[in-house]
């Protein structure tokens, strides 16, 4: 079983779609570990604010099948893959970590966004503070501690979800 971490985001009916995304991930993987839920401004485009969080789970799926499964969950929840990059979305699921695998195929693992976006790093640091980034050899809590927090404002918001 591989330990995986997935970033979840939504800025279209975000209160509903985050819950639907969690339900779908729970249905697919079973027990989930959850970061807090954060509200953040859109990055790279003008649009409604996002809800973002990170979930952890275990899977027996190989990496390629897992990537396809996450894409299918996005499709099933109204994600438009013909939309331009950096646009509003109903549900965005990005695989951040797959055990300690380092690869660019079929997806980039660990994902670059971990160290580039507060809306990914802070939830990950809250969820697995002492875990170590497989390429940087620093804990996620340390990476968050040294992150330039002026680049994006986040605030924790309540999450009302139960498996």
N, C-alpha and C. Protein backbone atom coordinates (compact mmCIF):
# COMPACT_ATOMS: atom_id res chain seq x y z
N UNK A 1 0.84 -1.19 0.00
CA UNK A 1 0.00 0.00 0.00
C UNK A 1 0.88 1.24 0.00
N UNK A 2 0.58 2.16 -0.90
CA UNK A 2 1.31 3.42 -0.99
C UNK A 2 0.57 4.48 -0.19
N UNK A 3 1.32 5.31 0.53
CA UNK A 3 0.74 6.46 1.22
C UNK A 3 0.74 7.62 0.23
N UNK A 4 -0.41 8.22 0.03
CA UNK A 4 -0.55 9.30 -0.94
C UNK A 4 -1.11 10.55 -0.26
N UNK A 5 -0.77 11.70 -0.86
CA UNK A 5 -1.31 12.97 -0.41
C UNK A 5 -1.82 13.72 -1.64
N UNK A 6 -3.04 14.22 -1.51
CA UNK A 6 -3.74 14.86 -2.62
C UNK A 6 -4.19 16.24 -2.19
N UNK A 7 -3.91 17.23 -3.03
CA UNK A 7 -4.39 18.58 -2.81
C UNK A 7 -5.78 18.68 -3.45
N UNK A 8 -6.72 19.27 -2.71
CA UNK A 8 -8.08 19.46 -3.20
C UNK A 8 -8.37 20.95 -3.26
N UNK A 9 -8.92 21.42 -4.37
CA UNK A 9 -9.29 22.81 -4.49
C UNK A 9 -10.57 22.98 -5.27
N UNK A 10 -11.28 24.07 -4.97
CA UNK A 10 -12.49 24.41 -5.70
C UNK A 10 -12.78 25.90 -5.51
N UNK A 11 -13.26 26.54 -6.59
CA UNK A 11 -13.76 27.91 -6.43
C UNK A 11 -15.07 28.12 -7.18
N UNK A 12 -15.71 27.04 -7.59
CA UNK A 12 -17.07 27.08 -8.14
C UNK A 12 -17.93 26.24 -7.19
N UNK A 13 -18.91 26.89 -6.56
CA UNK A 13 -19.73 26.22 -5.54
C UNK A 13 -18.83 25.43 -4.60
N UNK A 14 -17.80 26.10 -4.10
CA UNK A 14 -16.74 25.45 -3.34
C UNK A 14 -17.22 24.74 -2.07
N UNK A 15 -18.22 25.29 -1.40
CA UNK A 15 -18.73 24.65 -0.19
C UNK A 15 -19.29 23.26 -0.49
N UNK A 16 -19.91 23.13 -1.65
CA UNK A 16 -20.51 21.86 -2.07
C UNK A 16 -19.46 20.94 -2.68
N UNK A 17 -18.63 21.48 -3.58
CA UNK A 17 -17.70 20.64 -4.32
C UNK A 17 -16.55 20.09 -3.48
N UNK A 18 -16.11 20.79 -2.46
CA UNK A 18 -15.09 20.23 -1.57
C UNK A 18 -15.67 19.00 -0.86
N UNK A 19 -16.91 19.11 -0.38
CA UNK A 19 -17.55 17.98 0.30
C UNK A 19 -17.73 16.81 -0.67
N UNK A 20 -18.21 17.09 -1.89
CA UNK A 20 -18.37 16.02 -2.88
C UNK A 20 -17.02 15.37 -3.22
N UNK A 21 -15.97 16.19 -3.30
CA UNK A 21 -14.64 15.65 -3.56
C UNK A 21 -14.18 14.74 -2.44
N UNK A 22 -14.39 15.15 -1.19
CA UNK A 22 -14.03 14.31 -0.05
C UNK A 22 -14.83 13.01 -0.05
N UNK A 23 -16.12 13.11 -0.36
CA UNK A 23 -16.95 11.91 -0.44
C UNK A 23 -16.41 10.94 -1.49
N UNK A 24 -16.05 11.45 -2.65
CA UNK A 24 -15.54 10.61 -3.74
C UNK A 24 -14.20 9.97 -3.35
N UNK A 25 -13.32 10.74 -2.72
CA UNK A 25 -12.04 10.19 -2.29
C UNK A 25 -12.23 9.13 -1.20
N UNK A 26 -13.16 9.38 -0.29
CA UNK A 26 -13.46 8.39 0.75
C UNK A 26 -14.01 7.11 0.13
N UNK A 27 -14.88 7.25 -0.85
CA UNK A 27 -15.44 6.10 -1.54
C UNK A 27 -14.35 5.29 -2.25
N UNK A 28 -13.38 5.99 -2.81
CA UNK A 28 -12.29 5.33 -3.56
C UNK A 28 -11.23 4.72 -2.65
N UNK A 29 -10.85 5.43 -1.58
CA UNK A 29 -9.69 5.03 -0.79
C UNK A 29 -9.99 4.61 0.65
N UNK A 30 -11.20 4.89 1.13
CA UNK A 30 -11.49 4.58 2.53
C UNK A 30 -11.03 5.72 3.42
N UNK A 31 -10.54 5.37 4.59
CA UNK A 31 -10.16 6.37 5.59
C UNK A 31 -9.21 7.42 5.02
N UNK A 32 -9.53 8.68 5.35
CA UNK A 32 -8.73 9.81 4.90
C UNK A 32 -8.19 10.56 6.11
N UNK A 33 -6.98 11.07 6.01
CA UNK A 33 -6.49 12.04 6.99
C UNK A 33 -6.63 13.41 6.34
N UNK A 34 -7.09 14.38 7.12
CA UNK A 34 -7.45 15.69 6.57
C UNK A 34 -6.66 16.82 7.19
N UNK A 35 -6.20 17.73 6.34
CA UNK A 35 -5.65 18.99 6.84
C UNK A 35 -6.83 19.90 7.16
N UNK A 36 -6.56 21.03 7.79
CA UNK A 36 -7.61 22.04 7.87
C UNK A 36 -7.98 22.53 6.46
N UNK A 37 -9.14 23.15 6.37
CA UNK A 37 -9.60 23.75 5.13
C UNK A 37 -9.19 25.23 5.14
N UNK A 38 -8.68 25.71 4.00
CA UNK A 38 -8.22 27.08 3.89
C UNK A 38 -8.97 27.80 2.77
N UNK A 39 -9.16 29.09 2.95
CA UNK A 39 -9.68 29.95 1.90
C UNK A 39 -8.52 30.78 1.38
N UNK A 40 -8.42 30.87 0.05
CA UNK A 40 -7.32 31.63 -0.54
C UNK A 40 -7.79 32.34 -1.80
N UNK A 41 -7.08 33.40 -2.13
CA UNK A 41 -7.36 34.12 -3.36
C UNK A 41 -6.92 33.28 -4.55
N UNK A 42 -7.49 33.55 -5.70
CA UNK A 42 -7.07 32.90 -6.93
C UNK A 42 -5.65 33.35 -7.25
N UNK A 43 -4.86 32.43 -7.75
CA UNK A 43 -3.48 32.72 -8.13
C UNK A 43 -3.37 32.57 -9.65
N UNK A 44 -2.85 33.58 -10.31
CA UNK A 44 -2.64 33.51 -11.75
C UNK A 44 -3.82 33.97 -12.59
N UNK A 45 -4.94 34.31 -11.94
CA UNK A 45 -6.12 34.80 -12.66
C UNK A 45 -7.06 35.47 -11.67
N UNK A 46 -7.91 36.34 -12.19
CA UNK A 46 -8.94 36.97 -11.36
C UNK A 46 -10.14 36.04 -11.33
N UNK A 47 -10.53 35.64 -10.15
CA UNK A 47 -11.67 34.74 -10.03
C UNK A 47 -12.10 34.63 -8.58
N UNK A 48 -13.18 33.89 -8.35
CA UNK A 48 -13.66 33.71 -6.98
C UNK A 48 -12.59 33.04 -6.11
N UNK A 49 -12.69 33.28 -4.80
CA UNK A 49 -11.75 32.67 -3.86
C UNK A 49 -11.90 31.15 -3.88
N UNK A 50 -10.83 30.49 -3.51
CA UNK A 50 -10.77 29.03 -3.47
C UNK A 50 -10.90 28.51 -2.04
N UNK A 51 -11.36 27.28 -1.93
CA UNK A 51 -11.15 26.46 -0.76
C UNK A 51 -10.09 25.45 -1.16
N UNK A 52 -9.12 25.23 -0.27
CA UNK A 52 -8.05 24.27 -0.51
C UNK A 52 -7.76 23.48 0.76
N UNK A 53 -7.34 22.25 0.56
CA UNK A 53 -6.90 21.41 1.66
C UNK A 53 -6.08 20.26 1.10
N UNK A 54 -5.51 19.46 1.97
CA UNK A 54 -4.76 18.27 1.57
C UNK A 54 -5.32 17.09 2.33
N UNK A 55 -5.44 15.96 1.64
CA UNK A 55 -5.87 14.72 2.28
C UNK A 55 -4.81 13.65 2.07
N UNK A 56 -4.71 12.77 3.04
CA UNK A 56 -3.83 11.62 2.94
C UNK A 56 -4.67 10.36 2.90
N UNK A 57 -4.17 9.35 2.19
CA UNK A 57 -4.88 8.07 2.08
C UNK A 57 -3.85 7.00 1.71
N UNK A 58 -4.32 5.77 1.70
CA UNK A 58 -3.51 4.65 1.22
C UNK A 58 -4.17 4.07 -0.01
N UNK A 59 -3.34 3.58 -0.94
CA UNK A 59 -3.88 2.97 -2.15
C UNK A 59 -2.98 1.83 -2.62
N UNK A 60 -3.61 0.88 -3.28
CA UNK A 60 -2.87 -0.18 -3.95
C UNK A 60 -2.71 0.14 -5.44
N UNK A 61 -3.33 1.22 -5.89
CA UNK A 61 -3.25 1.58 -7.30
C UNK A 61 -1.83 1.99 -7.68
N UNK A 62 -1.34 1.51 -8.83
CA UNK A 62 -0.07 2.04 -9.32
C UNK A 62 -0.25 3.50 -9.71
N UNK A 63 0.85 4.21 -9.80
CA UNK A 63 0.81 5.66 -10.02
C UNK A 63 -0.01 6.06 -11.24
N UNK A 64 0.16 5.40 -12.36
CA UNK A 64 -0.57 5.77 -13.57
C UNK A 64 -2.07 5.59 -13.39
N UNK A 65 -2.49 4.49 -12.78
CA UNK A 65 -3.92 4.25 -12.54
C UNK A 65 -4.47 5.26 -11.55
N UNK A 66 -3.69 5.61 -10.55
CA UNK A 66 -4.13 6.61 -9.57
C UNK A 66 -4.35 7.96 -10.24
N UNK A 67 -3.42 8.36 -11.09
CA UNK A 67 -3.57 9.65 -11.81
C UNK A 67 -4.85 9.65 -12.64
N UNK A 68 -5.14 8.55 -13.31
CA UNK A 68 -6.37 8.45 -14.11
C UNK A 68 -7.60 8.48 -13.22
N UNK A 69 -7.54 7.83 -12.08
CA UNK A 69 -8.67 7.82 -11.15
C UNK A 69 -8.98 9.22 -10.65
N UNK A 70 -7.95 9.96 -10.30
CA UNK A 70 -8.17 11.34 -9.83
C UNK A 70 -8.75 12.21 -10.92
N UNK A 71 -8.28 12.06 -12.18
CA UNK A 71 -8.83 12.82 -13.30
C UNK A 71 -10.30 12.47 -13.50
N UNK A 72 -10.64 11.19 -13.38
CA UNK A 72 -12.03 10.76 -13.56
C UNK A 72 -12.93 11.36 -12.47
N UNK A 73 -12.45 11.41 -11.25
CA UNK A 73 -13.23 12.03 -10.17
C UNK A 73 -13.47 13.50 -10.51
N UNK A 74 -12.45 14.19 -11.02
CA UNK A 74 -12.65 15.59 -11.43
C UNK A 74 -13.70 15.69 -12.52
N UNK A 75 -13.60 14.87 -13.55
CA UNK A 75 -14.60 14.86 -14.63
C UNK A 75 -16.00 14.62 -14.07
N UNK A 76 -16.11 13.62 -13.19
CA UNK A 76 -17.41 13.26 -12.62
C UNK A 76 -18.02 14.40 -11.81
N UNK A 77 -17.20 15.35 -11.41
CA UNK A 77 -17.68 16.47 -10.60
C UNK A 77 -17.62 17.80 -11.36
N UNK A 78 -17.71 17.71 -12.69
CA UNK A 78 -17.90 18.90 -13.50
C UNK A 78 -16.66 19.64 -13.92
N UNK A 79 -15.48 19.08 -13.73
CA UNK A 79 -14.25 19.76 -14.15
C UNK A 79 -14.20 19.82 -15.67
N UNK A 80 -13.96 21.00 -16.20
CA UNK A 80 -13.88 21.20 -17.64
C UNK A 80 -12.41 21.24 -18.05
N UNK A 81 -11.95 20.17 -18.68
CA UNK A 81 -10.55 20.11 -19.07
C UNK A 81 -10.26 20.85 -20.37
N UNK A 82 -11.28 21.44 -20.98
CA UNK A 82 -11.06 22.30 -22.14
C UNK A 82 -10.90 23.76 -21.72
N UNK A 83 -11.09 24.02 -20.43
CA UNK A 83 -10.96 25.39 -19.93
C UNK A 83 -9.49 25.80 -19.98
N UNK A 84 -9.27 27.09 -20.10
CA UNK A 84 -7.89 27.59 -20.11
C UNK A 84 -7.24 27.35 -18.76
N UNK A 85 -5.91 27.23 -18.78
CA UNK A 85 -5.16 27.05 -17.53
C UNK A 85 -5.40 28.25 -16.64
N UNK A 86 -5.37 28.01 -15.35
CA UNK A 86 -5.62 29.07 -14.36
C UNK A 86 -6.97 29.72 -14.56
N UNK A 87 -8.00 28.90 -14.45
CA UNK A 87 -9.37 29.40 -14.55
C UNK A 87 -10.19 28.76 -13.42
N UNK A 88 -11.39 29.29 -13.17
CA UNK A 88 -12.23 28.70 -12.13
C UNK A 88 -12.48 27.22 -12.39
N UNK A 89 -12.66 26.47 -11.29
CA UNK A 89 -12.91 25.03 -11.44
C UNK A 89 -13.78 24.50 -10.31
N UNK A 90 -14.56 23.49 -10.67
CA UNK A 90 -15.43 22.86 -9.69
C UNK A 90 -14.62 22.02 -8.71
N UNK A 91 -13.67 21.26 -9.23
CA UNK A 91 -12.87 20.38 -8.38
C UNK A 91 -11.52 20.15 -9.03
N UNK A 92 -10.49 20.37 -8.24
CA UNK A 92 -9.12 20.18 -8.69
C UNK A 92 -8.45 19.22 -7.71
N UNK A 93 -8.00 18.07 -8.20
CA UNK A 93 -7.32 17.07 -7.39
C UNK A 93 -5.90 16.89 -7.94
N UNK A 94 -4.92 17.27 -7.16
CA UNK A 94 -3.53 17.13 -7.59
C UNK A 94 -2.80 16.19 -6.66
N UNK A 95 -2.24 15.13 -7.23
CA UNK A 95 -1.44 14.20 -6.46
C UNK A 95 -0.12 14.88 -6.11
N UNK A 96 0.14 15.03 -4.82
CA UNK A 96 1.34 15.71 -4.35
C UNK A 96 2.48 14.73 -4.08
N UNK A 97 2.14 13.64 -3.39
CA UNK A 97 3.14 12.66 -2.96
C UNK A 97 2.60 11.25 -3.13
N UNK A 98 3.48 10.35 -3.51
CA UNK A 98 3.16 8.92 -3.62
C UNK A 98 4.34 8.21 -2.96
N UNK A 99 4.16 7.85 -1.69
CA UNK A 99 5.28 7.36 -0.87
C UNK A 99 6.44 8.36 -1.02
N UNK A 100 7.64 7.87 -1.23
CA UNK A 100 8.79 8.75 -1.44
C UNK A 100 9.24 8.74 -2.89
N UNK A 101 8.32 8.41 -3.79
CA UNK A 101 8.64 8.33 -5.22
C UNK A 101 9.02 9.71 -5.75
N UNK A 102 10.02 9.74 -6.63
CA UNK A 102 10.42 10.94 -7.35
C UNK A 102 10.36 10.59 -8.83
N UNK A 103 9.45 11.26 -9.57
CA UNK A 103 9.27 10.96 -10.99
C UNK A 103 8.61 12.13 -11.70
N UNK A 104 8.73 12.13 -13.00
CA UNK A 104 8.00 13.09 -13.83
C UNK A 104 6.97 12.40 -14.71
N UNK A 105 6.89 11.06 -14.62
CA UNK A 105 6.00 10.30 -15.48
C UNK A 105 5.19 9.30 -14.66
N UNK A 106 3.90 9.21 -14.76
CA UNK A 106 3.00 9.91 -15.67
C UNK A 106 2.63 11.31 -15.18
N UNK A 107 2.95 11.59 -13.91
CA UNK A 107 2.75 12.93 -13.35
C UNK A 107 4.00 13.28 -12.53
N UNK A 108 4.16 14.55 -12.24
CA UNK A 108 5.31 14.97 -11.46
C UNK A 108 5.06 14.68 -9.98
N UNK A 109 5.97 13.90 -9.39
CA UNK A 109 5.91 13.56 -7.97
C UNK A 109 7.32 13.70 -7.41
N UNK A 110 7.55 14.41 -6.33
CA UNK A 110 6.60 15.29 -5.65
C UNK A 110 6.28 16.50 -6.52
N UNK A 111 5.11 16.98 -6.36
CA UNK A 111 4.62 18.08 -7.20
C UNK A 111 5.30 19.40 -6.82
N UNK A 112 5.70 20.16 -7.84
CA UNK A 112 6.36 21.45 -7.62
C UNK A 112 5.55 22.41 -6.76
N UNK A 113 4.23 22.34 -6.87
CA UNK A 113 3.36 23.27 -6.16
C UNK A 113 3.54 23.20 -4.65
N UNK A 114 4.10 22.10 -4.15
CA UNK A 114 4.30 21.97 -2.71
C UNK A 114 5.10 23.14 -2.17
N UNK A 115 6.17 23.50 -2.85
CA UNK A 115 7.04 24.56 -2.34
C UNK A 115 6.76 25.92 -2.98
N UNK A 116 5.84 25.98 -3.92
CA UNK A 116 5.55 27.24 -4.61
C UNK A 116 4.28 27.92 -4.16
N UNK A 117 3.34 27.17 -3.60
CA UNK A 117 2.03 27.73 -3.27
C UNK A 117 1.68 27.51 -1.80
N UNK A 118 1.39 28.61 -1.12
CA UNK A 118 1.00 28.54 0.28
C UNK A 118 -0.22 27.64 0.48
N UNK A 119 -1.16 27.66 -0.49
CA UNK A 119 -2.39 26.88 -0.34
C UNK A 119 -2.14 25.37 -0.44
N UNK A 120 -0.94 24.96 -0.83
CA UNK A 120 -0.55 23.55 -0.81
C UNK A 120 0.36 23.27 0.39
N UNK A 121 1.36 24.10 0.58
CA UNK A 121 2.36 23.85 1.62
C UNK A 121 1.79 23.95 3.03
N UNK A 122 1.00 24.98 3.31
CA UNK A 122 0.49 25.12 4.67
C UNK A 122 -0.39 23.93 5.07
N UNK A 123 -1.37 23.54 4.23
CA UNK A 123 -2.16 22.36 4.61
C UNK A 123 -1.30 21.10 4.77
N UNK A 124 -0.32 20.92 3.90
CA UNK A 124 0.56 19.75 4.01
C UNK A 124 1.38 19.80 5.29
N UNK A 125 1.88 20.99 5.64
CA UNK A 125 2.64 21.15 6.88
C UNK A 125 1.77 20.92 8.11
N UNK A 126 0.49 21.25 8.02
CA UNK A 126 -0.42 20.99 9.14
C UNK A 126 -0.71 19.49 9.27
N UNK A 127 -0.82 18.82 8.12
CA UNK A 127 -1.19 17.40 8.11
C UNK A 127 -0.02 16.49 8.47
N UNK A 128 1.15 16.75 7.90
CA UNK A 128 2.32 15.89 8.14
C UNK A 128 3.55 16.76 8.44
N UNK A 129 3.54 17.47 9.55
CA UNK A 129 4.59 18.45 9.83
C UNK A 129 6.00 17.85 9.87
N UNK A 130 6.16 16.66 10.37
CA UNK A 130 7.49 16.08 10.55
C UNK A 130 7.94 15.22 9.38
N UNK A 131 7.06 14.98 8.42
CA UNK A 131 7.46 14.21 7.24
C UNK A 131 8.46 15.05 6.44
N UNK A 132 9.32 14.36 5.69
CA UNK A 132 10.41 15.03 4.98
C UNK A 132 10.18 14.97 3.48
N UNK A 133 10.33 16.12 2.84
CA UNK A 133 10.21 16.20 1.38
C UNK A 133 11.28 15.32 0.77
N UNK A 134 10.91 14.41 -0.15
CA UNK A 134 11.87 13.42 -0.66
C UNK A 134 13.03 14.01 -1.48
N UNK A 135 12.91 15.22 -1.96
CA UNK A 135 14.00 15.83 -2.71
C UNK A 135 14.76 16.88 -1.92
N UNK A 136 14.08 17.56 -1.02
CA UNK A 136 14.68 18.69 -0.32
C UNK A 136 15.25 18.33 1.04
N UNK A 137 14.92 17.15 1.55
CA UNK A 137 15.42 16.66 2.85
C UNK A 137 15.12 17.61 4.00
N UNK A 138 14.02 18.33 3.90
CA UNK A 138 13.53 19.19 4.97
C UNK A 138 12.10 18.78 5.29
N UNK A 139 11.72 18.97 6.55
CA UNK A 139 10.35 18.66 6.94
C UNK A 139 9.40 19.71 6.35
N UNK A 140 8.14 19.31 6.22
CA UNK A 140 7.15 20.25 5.69
C UNK A 140 6.92 21.41 6.65
N UNK A 141 7.04 21.15 7.95
CA UNK A 141 6.90 22.26 8.90
C UNK A 141 8.04 23.25 8.73
N UNK A 142 9.25 22.76 8.48
CA UNK A 142 10.39 23.67 8.24
C UNK A 142 10.18 24.43 6.94
N UNK A 143 9.76 23.73 5.88
CA UNK A 143 9.53 24.41 4.60
C UNK A 143 8.48 25.51 4.75
N UNK A 144 7.45 25.25 5.56
CA UNK A 144 6.42 26.26 5.79
C UNK A 144 6.99 27.41 6.62
N UNK A 145 7.81 27.09 7.58
CA UNK A 145 8.40 28.11 8.45
C UNK A 145 9.22 29.11 7.65
N UNK A 146 9.95 28.65 6.62
CA UNK A 146 10.81 29.54 5.84
C UNK A 146 10.14 30.07 4.57
N UNK A 147 8.90 29.68 4.33
CA UNK A 147 8.16 30.11 3.14
C UNK A 147 7.83 31.60 3.24
N UNK A 148 7.89 32.31 2.12
CA UNK A 148 7.52 33.72 2.08
C UNK A 148 5.99 33.83 2.13
N UNK A 149 5.48 34.08 3.30
CA UNK A 149 4.03 34.09 3.51
C UNK A 149 3.36 35.36 3.00
N UNK A 150 4.13 36.31 2.51
CA UNK A 150 3.54 37.53 1.97
C UNK A 150 3.02 37.32 0.55
N UNK A 151 3.34 36.19 -0.07
CA UNK A 151 2.95 35.96 -1.46
C UNK A 151 1.48 35.60 -1.61
N UNK A 152 0.88 35.06 -0.55
CA UNK A 152 -0.53 34.68 -0.64
C UNK A 152 -1.13 34.63 0.75
N UNK A 153 -2.28 35.25 0.89
CA UNK A 153 -2.98 35.25 2.17
C UNK A 153 -3.95 34.07 2.24
N UNK A 154 -3.87 33.33 3.33
CA UNK A 154 -4.78 32.22 3.57
C UNK A 154 -5.45 32.41 4.92
N UNK A 155 -6.63 31.83 5.03
CA UNK A 155 -7.27 31.79 6.35
C UNK A 155 -7.99 30.46 6.48
N UNK A 156 -7.93 29.92 7.69
CA UNK A 156 -8.63 28.67 7.95
C UNK A 156 -10.12 28.93 8.01
N UNK A 157 -10.88 27.99 7.47
CA UNK A 157 -12.35 28.07 7.50
C UNK A 157 -12.87 26.73 8.02
N UNK A 158 -14.06 26.73 8.61
CA UNK A 158 -14.60 25.47 9.14
C UNK A 158 -14.89 24.47 8.02
N UNK A 159 -14.67 23.21 8.32
CA UNK A 159 -15.00 22.13 7.41
C UNK A 159 -16.05 21.27 8.08
N UNK A 160 -17.18 21.11 7.42
CA UNK A 160 -18.26 20.28 7.94
C UNK A 160 -18.43 19.05 7.08
N UNK A 161 -17.59 18.06 7.33
CA UNK A 161 -17.62 16.80 6.56
C UNK A 161 -17.40 15.65 7.52
N UNK A 162 -18.17 14.60 7.30
CA UNK A 162 -17.97 13.36 8.04
C UNK A 162 -18.07 12.22 7.07
N UNK A 163 -17.16 11.27 7.25
CA UNK A 163 -17.15 10.07 6.40
C UNK A 163 -18.37 9.22 6.64
